[in-house]
Each structure stands twice: as C-alpha cells, then as structure tokens.
Amino acid sequence: MKITGFLIMDSNGIEVPADAHGNNVAFCCRKCGHPMLAVARENQRDSDENYPATCKQCGVSYFLDVRPSAQKAYIHMLSNRA
C-alpha cells in the first residue's frame, strides 16, 4: 500500500518526524533514537502486531496501523516486547 504523503503519528495521535515514501516509512525509535524502516504491506514485517519491526539497538518492537481513507499511518510501540 502506498503511503507517500500520509500523516505519520504515534499511538497517541501526535505527529512524529518520519519520511513516508511508496510503501515504506522511515522513523527513529522512540526509546533510543536508532533509525528504523517499516513497510506497509499485508503480512510483512511491521504490518501488524504479529509481524513487528524490532529496533536493532534497543529491542523495542513497532508495527504500522495504516488508515487509507484518512491518509494517516500510526506507529504503535509494543510495550510487552520492550
């Protein structure tokens, strides 16, 4: 799913600095600031809670929640994996 130009927000609805292009979004880990890349494709890493992206530096996991009709994507941190 293409998310270029989508508003990228955290789970609280606060806009986060990110670069969304094509079906990818680059952002920084909220815990340690390490760069991360997530992909908005069904059943791919980062696409839901079952396929999270994990920060290579601190181990915190994230997944994307894309809302196409609103042109928004939420980056959720999985607290049980931190």
PDB file of N, CA and C in Angstrom:
ATOM      1  N   MET A   1       0.842  -1.173   0.000  1.00  0.00           N
ATOM      2  CA  MET A   1       0.000   0.000   0.000  1.00  0.00           C
ATOM      3  C   MET A   1       0.890   1.240   0.000  1.00  0.00           C
ATOM      4  N   LYS A   2       0.621   2.133  -0.889  1.00  0.00           N
ATOM      5  CA  LYS A   2       1.395   3.366  -0.977  1.00  0.00           C
ATOM      6  C   LYS A   2       0.948   4.333   0.107  1.00  0.00           C
ATOM      7  N   ILE A   3       1.929   4.849   0.874  1.00  0.00           N
ATOM      8  CA  ILE A   3       1.618   5.784   1.951  1.00  0.00           C
ATOM      9  C   ILE A   3       2.368   7.109   1.780  1.00  0.00           C
ATOM     10  N   THR A   4       2.872   7.380   0.585  1.00  0.00           N
ATOM     11  CA  THR A   4       3.555   8.642   0.312  1.00  0.00           C
ATOM     12  C   THR A   4       2.626   9.796   0.659  1.00  0.00           C
ATOM     13  N   GLY A   5       3.122  10.725   1.447  1.00  0.00           N
ATOM     14  CA  GLY A   5       2.342  11.902   1.810  1.00  0.00           C
ATOM     15  C   GLY A   5       1.396  11.701   2.983  1.00  0.00           C
ATOM     16  N   PHE A   6       1.301  10.498   3.511  1.00  0.00           N
ATOM     17  CA  PHE A   6       0.423  10.255   4.657  1.00  0.00           C
ATOM     18  C   PHE A   6       0.995  10.962   5.888  1.00  0.00           C
ATOM     19  N   LEU A   7       0.109  11.363   6.774  1.00  0.00           N
ATOM     20  CA  LEU A   7       0.491  11.901   8.067  1.00  0.00           C
ATOM     21  C   LEU A   7       0.899  10.719   8.941  1.00  0.00           C
ATOM     22  N   ILE A   8       2.080  10.771   9.547  1.00  0.00           N
ATOM     23  CA  ILE A   8       2.573   9.679  10.381  1.00  0.00           C
ATOM     24  C   ILE A   8       2.474  10.126  11.842  1.00  0.00           C
ATOM     25  N   MET A   9       1.805   9.294  12.648  1.00  0.00           N
ATOM     26  CA  MET A   9       1.555   9.660  14.031  1.00  0.00           C
ATOM     27  C   MET A   9       1.886   8.500  14.960  1.00  0.00           C
ATOM     28  N   ASP A  10       2.064   8.825  16.245  1.00  0.00           N
ATOM     29  CA  ASP A  10       2.268   7.770  17.231  1.00  0.00           C
ATOM     30  C   ASP A  10       0.902   7.284  17.715  1.00  0.00           C
ATOM     31  N   SER A  11       0.896   6.350  18.652  1.00  0.00           N
ATOM     32  CA  SER A  11      -0.364   5.765  19.114  1.00  0.00           C
ATOM     33  C   SER A  11      -1.234   6.747  19.873  1.00  0.00           C
ATOM     34  N   ASN A  12      -0.677   7.902  20.264  1.00  0.00           N
ATOM     35  CA  ASN A  12      -1.459   8.940  20.940  1.00  0.00           C
ATOM     36  C   ASN A  12      -2.010   9.971  19.962  1.00  0.00           C
ATOM     37  N   GLY A  13      -1.750   9.788  18.672  1.00  0.00           N
ATOM     38  CA  GLY A  13      -2.238  10.725  17.670  1.00  0.00           C
ATOM     39  C   GLY A  13      -1.376  11.961  17.510  1.00  0.00           C
ATOM     40  N   ILE A  14      -0.135  11.894  18.002  1.00  0.00           N
ATOM     41  CA  ILE A  14       0.788  13.018  17.883  1.00  0.00           C
ATOM     42  C   ILE A  14       1.686  12.777  16.676  1.00  0.00           C
ATOM     43  N   GLU A  15       1.777  13.779  15.808  1.00  0.00           N
ATOM     44  CA  GLU A  15       2.604  13.648  14.606  1.00  0.00           C
ATOM     45  C   GLU A  15       4.061  13.408  14.994  1.00  0.00           C
ATOM     46  N   VAL A  16       4.700  12.452  14.320  1.00  0.00           N
ATOM     47  CA  VAL A  16       6.104  12.150  14.569  1.00  0.00           C
ATOM     48  C   VAL A  16       6.921  12.461  13.323  1.00  0.00           C
ATOM     49  N   PRO A  17       8.177  12.869  13.497  1.00  0.00           N
ATOM     50  CA  PRO A  17       9.024  13.088  12.330  1.00  0.00           C
ATOM     51  C   PRO A  17       9.254  11.757  11.623  1.00  0.00           C
ATOM     52  N   ALA A  18       8.900  11.689  10.381  1.00  0.00           N
ATOM     53  CA  ALA A  18       9.038  10.455   9.603  1.00  0.00           C
ATOM     54  C   ALA A  18       9.051  10.812   8.129  1.00  0.00           C
ATOM     55  N   ASP A  19       9.536   9.887   7.322  1.00  0.00           N
ATOM     56  CA  ASP A  19       9.559  10.059   5.875  1.00  0.00           C
ATOM     57  C   ASP A  19       8.834   8.877   5.255  1.00  0.00           C
ATOM     58  N   ALA A  20       7.638   9.120   4.752  1.00  0.00           N
ATOM     59  CA  ALA A  20       6.840   8.075   4.110  1.00  0.00           C
ATOM     60  C   ALA A  20       6.988   8.198   2.600  1.00  0.00           C
ATOM     61  N   HIS A  21       7.412   7.092   1.976  1.00  0.00           N
ATOM     62  CA  HIS A  21       7.595   7.090   0.530  1.00  0.00           C
ATOM     63  C   HIS A  21       7.247   5.704   0.001  1.00  0.00           C
ATOM     64  N   GLY A  22       6.372   5.668  -0.984  1.00  0.00           N
ATOM     65  CA  GLY A  22       5.926   4.378  -1.514  1.00  0.00           C
ATOM     66  C   GLY A  22       5.197   3.619  -0.434  1.00  0.00           C
ATOM     67  N   ASN A  23       5.642   2.410  -0.151  1.00  0.00           N
ATOM     68  CA  ASN A  23       5.023   1.647   0.942  1.00  0.00           C
ATOM     69  C   ASN A  23       5.956   1.565   2.151  1.00  0.00           C
ATOM     70  N   ASN A  24       6.938   2.469   2.230  1.00  0.00           N
ATOM     71  CA  ASN A  24       7.904   2.487   3.321  1.00  0.00           C
ATOM     72  C   ASN A  24       7.768   3.755   4.157  1.00  0.00           C
ATOM     73  N   VAL A  25       8.126   3.634   5.412  1.00  0.00           N
ATOM     74  CA  VAL A  25       8.217   4.813   6.273  1.00  0.00           C
ATOM     75  C   VAL A  25       9.479   4.682   7.132  1.00  0.00           C
ATOM     76  N   ALA A  26      10.291   5.729   7.098  1.00  0.00           N
ATOM     77  CA  ALA A  26      11.497   5.791   7.920  1.00  0.00           C
ATOM     78  C   ALA A  26      11.193   6.678   9.124  1.00  0.00           C
ATOM     79  N   PHE A  27      11.618   6.210  10.296  1.00  0.00           N
ATOM     80  CA  PHE A  27      11.401   6.972  11.528  1.00  0.00           C
ATOM     81  C   PHE A  27      12.485   6.585  12.521  1.00  0.00           C
ATOM     82  N   CYS A  28      12.530   7.276  13.647  1.00  0.00           N
ATOM     83  CA  CYS A  28      13.501   6.961  14.688  1.00  0.00           C
ATOM     84  C   CYS A  28      12.797   6.259  15.837  1.00  0.00           C
ATOM     85  N   CYS A  29      13.478   5.287  16.426  1.00  0.00           N
ATOM     86  CA  CYS A  29      12.966   4.585  17.591  1.00  0.00           C
ATOM     87  C   CYS A  29      12.670   5.613  18.677  1.00  0.00           C
ATOM     88  N   ARG A  30      11.503   5.516  19.276  1.00  0.00           N
ATOM     89  CA  ARG A  30      11.118   6.478  20.310  1.00  0.00           C
ATOM     90  C   ARG A  30      11.895   6.267  21.600  1.00  0.00           C
ATOM     91  N   LYS A  31      12.458   5.105  21.797  1.00  0.00           N
ATOM     92  CA  LYS A  31      13.202   4.834  23.028  1.00  0.00           C
ATOM     93  C   LYS A  31      14.659   5.281  22.934  1.00  0.00           C
ATOM     94  N   CYS A  32      15.338   4.916  21.817  1.00  0.00           N
ATOM     95  CA  CYS A  32      16.772   5.188  21.743  1.00  0.00           C
ATOM     96  C   CYS A  32      17.189   6.082  20.577  1.00  0.00           C
ATOM     97  N   GLY A  33      16.274   6.373  19.638  1.00  0.00           N
ATOM     98  CA  GLY A  33      16.600   7.250  18.516  1.00  0.00           C
ATOM     99  C   GLY A  33      17.247   6.568  17.324  1.00  0.00           C
ATOM    100  N   HIS A  34      17.419   5.238  17.380  1.00  0.00           N
ATOM    101  CA  HIS A  34      18.020   4.498  16.273  1.00  0.00           C
ATOM    102  C   HIS A  34      17.105   4.584  15.043  1.00  0.00           C
ATOM    103  N   PRO A  35      17.656   4.723  13.830  1.00  0.00           N
ATOM    104  CA  PRO A  35      16.815   4.783  12.633  1.00  0.00           C
ATOM    105  C   PRO A  35      16.115   3.452  12.370  1.00  0.00           C
ATOM    106  N   MET A  36      14.870   3.550  11.898  1.00  0.00           N
ATOM    107  CA  MET A  36      14.069   2.355  11.616  1.00  0.00           C
ATOM    108  C   MET A  36      13.367   2.529  10.283  1.00  0.00           C
ATOM    109  N   LEU A  37      13.019   1.402   9.684  1.00  0.00           N
ATOM    110  CA  LEU A  37      12.266   1.387   8.441  1.00  0.00           C
ATOM    111  C   LEU A  37      11.128   0.388   8.596  1.00  0.00           C
ATOM    112  N   ALA A  38       9.926   0.819   8.254  1.00  0.00           N
ATOM    113  CA  ALA A  38       8.761  -0.061   8.318  1.00  0.00           C
ATOM    114  C   ALA A  38       8.120  -0.117   6.938  1.00  0.00           C
ATOM    115  N   VAL A  39       7.474  -1.235   6.643  1.00  0.00           N
ATOM    116  CA  VAL A  39       6.857  -1.459   5.343  1.00  0.00           C
ATOM    117  C   VAL A  39       5.362  -1.665   5.529  1.00  0.00           C
ATOM    118  N   ALA A  40       4.563  -0.959   4.752  1.00  0.00           N
ATOM    119  CA  ALA A  40       3.105  -1.061   4.833  1.00  0.00           C
ATOM    120  C   ALA A  40       2.606  -2.066   3.797  1.00  0.00           C
ATOM    121  N   ARG A  41       2.851  -3.340   4.059  1.00  0.00           N
ATOM    122  CA  ARG A  41       2.379  -4.419   3.178  1.00  0.00           C
ATOM    123  C   ARG A  41       1.816  -5.528   4.049  1.00  0.00           C
ATOM    124  N   GLU A  42       0.672  -6.025   3.690  1.00  0.00           N
ATOM    125  CA  GLU A  42      -0.004  -7.053   4.477  1.00  0.00           C
ATOM    126  C   GLU A  42       0.881  -8.276   4.665  1.00  0.00           C
ATOM    127  N   ASN A  43       0.907  -8.793   5.890  1.00  0.00           N
ATOM    128  CA  ASN A  43       1.673  -9.970   6.289  1.00  0.00           C
ATOM    129  C   ASN A  43       3.181  -9.814   6.127  1.00  0.00           C
ATOM    130  N   GLN A  44       3.649  -8.573   6.074  1.00  0.00           N
ATOM    131  CA  GLN A  44       5.075  -8.305   6.033  1.00  0.00           C
ATOM    132  C   GLN A  44       5.511  -7.774   7.390  1.00  0.00           C
ATOM    133  N   ARG A  45       6.804  -7.827   7.639  1.00  0.00           N
ATOM    134  CA  ARG A  45       7.339  -7.261   8.870  1.00  0.00           C
ATOM    135  C   ARG A  45       6.830  -5.835   9.020  1.00  0.00           C
ATOM    136  N   ASP A  46       6.376  -5.474  10.196  1.00  0.00           N
ATOM    137  CA  ASP A  46       5.884  -4.136  10.547  1.00  0.00           C
ATOM    138  C   ASP A  46       4.400  -3.938  10.271  1.00  0.00           C
ATOM    139  N   SER A  47       3.728  -4.893   9.622  1.00  0.00           N
ATOM    140  CA  SER A  47       2.365  -4.658   9.156  1.00  0.00           C
ATOM    141  C   SER A  47       1.300  -4.817  10.228  1.00  0.00           C
ATOM    142  N   ASP A  48       1.575  -5.552  11.285  1.00  0.00           N
ATOM    143  CA  ASP A  48       0.633  -5.659  12.402  1.00  0.00           C
ATOM    144  C   ASP A  48       1.345  -6.238  13.614  1.00  0.00           C
ATOM    145  N   GLU A  49       0.604  -6.446  14.685  1.00  0.00           N
ATOM    146  CA  GLU A  49       1.208  -6.914  15.940  1.00  0.00           C
ATOM    147  C   GLU A  49       1.906  -8.262  15.801  1.00  0.00           C
ATOM    148  N   ASN A  50       1.468  -9.080  14.856  1.00  0.00           N
ATOM    149  CA  ASN A  50       2.081 -10.392  14.658  1.00  0.00           C
ATOM    150  C   ASN A  50       3.384 -10.333  13.867  1.00  0.00           C
ATOM    151  N   TYR A  51       3.627  -9.220  13.204  1.00  0.00           N
ATOM    152  CA  TYR A  51       4.824  -9.053  12.378  1.00  0.00           C
ATOM    153  C   TYR A  51       5.491  -7.711  12.699  1.00  0.00           C
ATOM    154  N   PRO A  52       5.965  -7.503  13.934  1.00  0.00           N
ATOM    155  CA  PRO A  52       6.530  -6.196  14.283  1.00  0.00           C
ATOM    156  C   PRO A  52       7.944  -5.996  13.749  1.00  0.00           C
ATOM    157  N   ALA A  53       8.317  -4.722  13.645  1.00  0.00           N
ATOM    158  CA  ALA A  53       9.708  -4.364  13.366  1.00  0.00           C
ATOM    159  C   ALA A  53      10.374  -4.160  14.714  1.00  0.00           C
ATOM    160  N   THR A  54      11.595  -4.624  14.861  1.00  0.00           N
ATOM    161  CA  THR A  54      12.293  -4.515  16.135  1.00  0.00           C
ATOM    162  C   THR A  54      13.535  -3.663  15.961  1.00  0.00           C
ATOM    163  N   CYS A  55      13.705  -2.718  16.857  1.00  0.00           N
ATOM    164  CA  CYS A  55      14.879  -1.847  16.836  1.00  0.00           C
ATOM    165  C   CYS A  55      16.119  -2.693  17.058  1.00  0.00           C
ATOM    166  N   LYS A  56      17.087  -2.552  16.175  1.00  0.00           N
ATOM    167  CA  LYS A  56      18.314  -3.336  16.259  1.00  0.00           C
ATOM    168  C   LYS A  56      19.213  -2.879  17.411  1.00  0.00           C
ATOM    169  N   GLN A  57      18.940  -1.684  17.938  1.00  0.00           N
ATOM    170  CA  GLN A  57      19.787  -1.180  19.014  1.00  0.00           C
ATOM    171  C   GLN A  57      19.229  -1.504  20.396  1.00  0.00           C
ATOM    172  N   CYS A  58      17.930  -1.267  20.633  1.00  0.00           N
ATOM    173  CA  CYS A  58      17.398  -1.447  21.989  1.00  0.00           C
ATOM    174  C   CYS A  58      16.359  -2.557  22.106  1.00  0.00           C
ATOM    175  N   GLY A  59      15.875  -3.084  20.975  1.00  0.00           N
ATOM    176  CA  GLY A  59      14.946  -4.207  21.009  1.00  0.00           C
ATOM    177  C   GLY A  59      13.471  -3.876  21.110  1.00  0.00           C
ATOM    178  N   VAL A  60      13.103  -2.602  21.116  1.00  0.00           N
ATOM    179  CA  VAL A  60      11.695  -2.228  21.157  1.00  0.00           C
ATOM    180  C   VAL A  60      11.045  -2.590  19.823  1.00  0.00           C
ATOM    181  N   SER A  61       9.810  -3.098  19.872  1.00  0.00           N
ATOM    182  CA  SER A  61       9.099  -3.502  18.658  1.00  0.00           C
ATOM    183  C   SER A  61       7.996  -2.507  18.303  1.00  0.00           C
ATOM    184  N   TYR A  62       7.770  -2.354  16.995  1.00  0.00           N
ATOM    185  CA  TYR A  62       6.769  -1.431  16.460  1.00  0.00           C
ATOM    186  C   TYR A  62       5.995  -2.104  15.343  1.00  0.00           C
ATOM    187  N   PHE A  63       4.762  -1.610  15.114  1.00  0.00           N
ATOM    188  CA  PHE A  63       4.036  -2.015  13.922  1.00  0.00           C
ATOM    189  C   PHE A  63       3.238  -0.827  13.400  1.00  0.00           C
ATOM    190  N   LEU A  64       2.889  -0.890  12.123  1.00  0.00           N
ATOM    191  CA  LEU A  64       2.134   0.180  11.471  1.00  0.00           C
ATOM    192  C   LEU A  64       0.654  -0.133  11.461  1.00  0.00           C
ATOM    193  N   ASP A  65      -0.141   0.900  11.625  1.00  0.00           N
ATOM    194  CA  ASP A  65      -1.593   0.833  11.517  1.00  0.00           C
ATOM    195  C   ASP A  65      -1.975   1.888  10.489  1.00  0.00           C
ATOM    196  N   VAL A  66      -2.189   1.462   9.257  1.00  0.00           N
ATOM    197  CA  VAL A  66      -2.451   2.385   8.149  1.00  0.00           C
ATOM    198  C   VAL A  66      -3.949   2.595   7.997  1.00  0.00           C
ATOM    199  N   ARG A  67      -4.342   3.860   7.894  1.00  0.00           N
ATOM    200  CA  ARG A  67      -5.748   4.241   7.697  1.00  0.00           C
ATOM    201  C   ARG A  67      -5.856   4.976   6.355  1.00  0.00           C
ATOM    202  N   PRO A  68      -6.026   4.232   5.263  1.00  0.00           N
ATOM    203  CA  PRO A  68      -6.004   4.840   3.921  1.00  0.00           C
ATOM    204  C   PRO A  68      -7.045   5.939   3.718  1.00  0.00           C
ATOM    205  N   SER A  69      -8.238   5.763   4.230  1.00  0.00           N
ATOM    206  CA  SER A  69      -9.286   6.765   3.998  1.00  0.00           C
ATOM    207  C   SER A  69      -8.959   8.107   4.649  1.00  0.00           C
ATOM    208  N   ALA A  70      -8.194   8.078   5.718  1.00  0.00           N
ATOM    209  CA  ALA A  70      -7.797   9.304   6.403  1.00  0.00           C
ATOM    210  C   ALA A  70      -6.407   9.775   5.975  1.00  0.00           C
ATOM    211  N   GLN A  71      -5.721   9.004   5.161  1.00  0.00           N
ATOM    212  CA  GLN A  71      -4.341   9.258   4.744  1.00  0.00           C
ATOM    213  C   GLN A  71      -3.433   9.473   5.957  1.00  0.00           C
ATOM    214  N   LYS A  72      -3.564   8.527   6.913  1.00  0.00           N
ATOM    215  CA  LYS A  72      -2.751   8.552   8.121  1.00  0.00           C
ATOM    216  C   LYS A  72      -2.186   7.163   8.377  1.00  0.00           C
ATOM    217  N   ALA A  73      -1.021   7.127   9.029  1.00  0.00           N
ATOM    218  CA  ALA A  73      -0.439   5.872   9.483  1.00  0.00           C
ATOM    219  C   ALA A  73       0.042   6.086  10.908  1.00  0.00           C
ATOM    220  N   TYR A  74      -0.287   5.143  11.757  1.00  0.00           N
ATOM    221  CA  TYR A  74       0.106   5.197  13.158  1.00  0.00           C
ATOM    222  C   TYR A  74       1.234   4.202  13.394  1.00  0.00           C
ATOM    223  N   ILE A  75       2.248   4.633  14.133  1.00  0.00           N
ATOM    224  CA  ILE A  75       3.343   3.757  14.525  1.00  0.00           C
ATOM    225  C   ILE A  75       3.100   3.393  15.978  1.00  0.00           C
ATOM    226  N   HIS A  76       2.774   2.134  16.217  1.00  0.00           N
ATOM    227  CA  HIS A  76       2.483   1.664  17.570  1.00  0.00           C
ATOM    228  C   HIS A  76       3.687   0.938  18.145  1.00  0.00           C
ATOM    229  N   MET A  77       4.017   1.261  19.395  1.00  0.00           N
ATOM    230  CA  MET A  77       5.081   0.570  20.120  1.00  0.00           C
ATOM    231  C   MET A  77       4.442  -0.576  20.902  1.00  0.00           C
ATOM    232  N   LEU A  78       5.041  -1.747  20.811  1.00  0.00           N
ATOM    233  CA  LEU A  78       4.548  -2.890  21.568  1.00  0.00           C
ATOM    234  C   LEU A  78       5.259  -2.918  22.924  1.00  0.00           C
ATOM    235  N   SER A  79       4.560  -2.496  23.940  1.00  0.00           N
ATOM    236  CA  SER A  79       5.184  -2.359  25.265  1.00  0.00           C
ATOM    237  C   SER A  79       5.563  -3.703  25.863  1.00  0.00           C
ATOM    238  N   ASN A  80       4.859  -4.775  25.501  1.00  0.00           N
ATOM    239  CA  ASN A  80       5.177  -6.078  26.071  1.00  0.00           C
ATOM    240  C   ASN A  80       6.444  -6.691  25.481  1.00  0.00           C
ATOM    241  N   ARG A  81       7.046  -6.044  24.475  1.00  0.00           N
ATOM    242  CA  ARG A  81       8.258  -6.575  23.867  1.00  0.00           C
ATOM    243  C   ARG A  81       9.461  -5.704  24.150  1.00  0.00           C
ATOM    244  N   ALA A  82       9.243  -4.620  24.871  1.00  0.00           N
ATOM    245  CA  ALA A  82      10.352  -3.678  25.136  1.00  0.00           C
ATOM    246  C   ALA A  82      11.218  -4.166  26.279  1.00  0.00           C
TER     247      ALA A  82
END
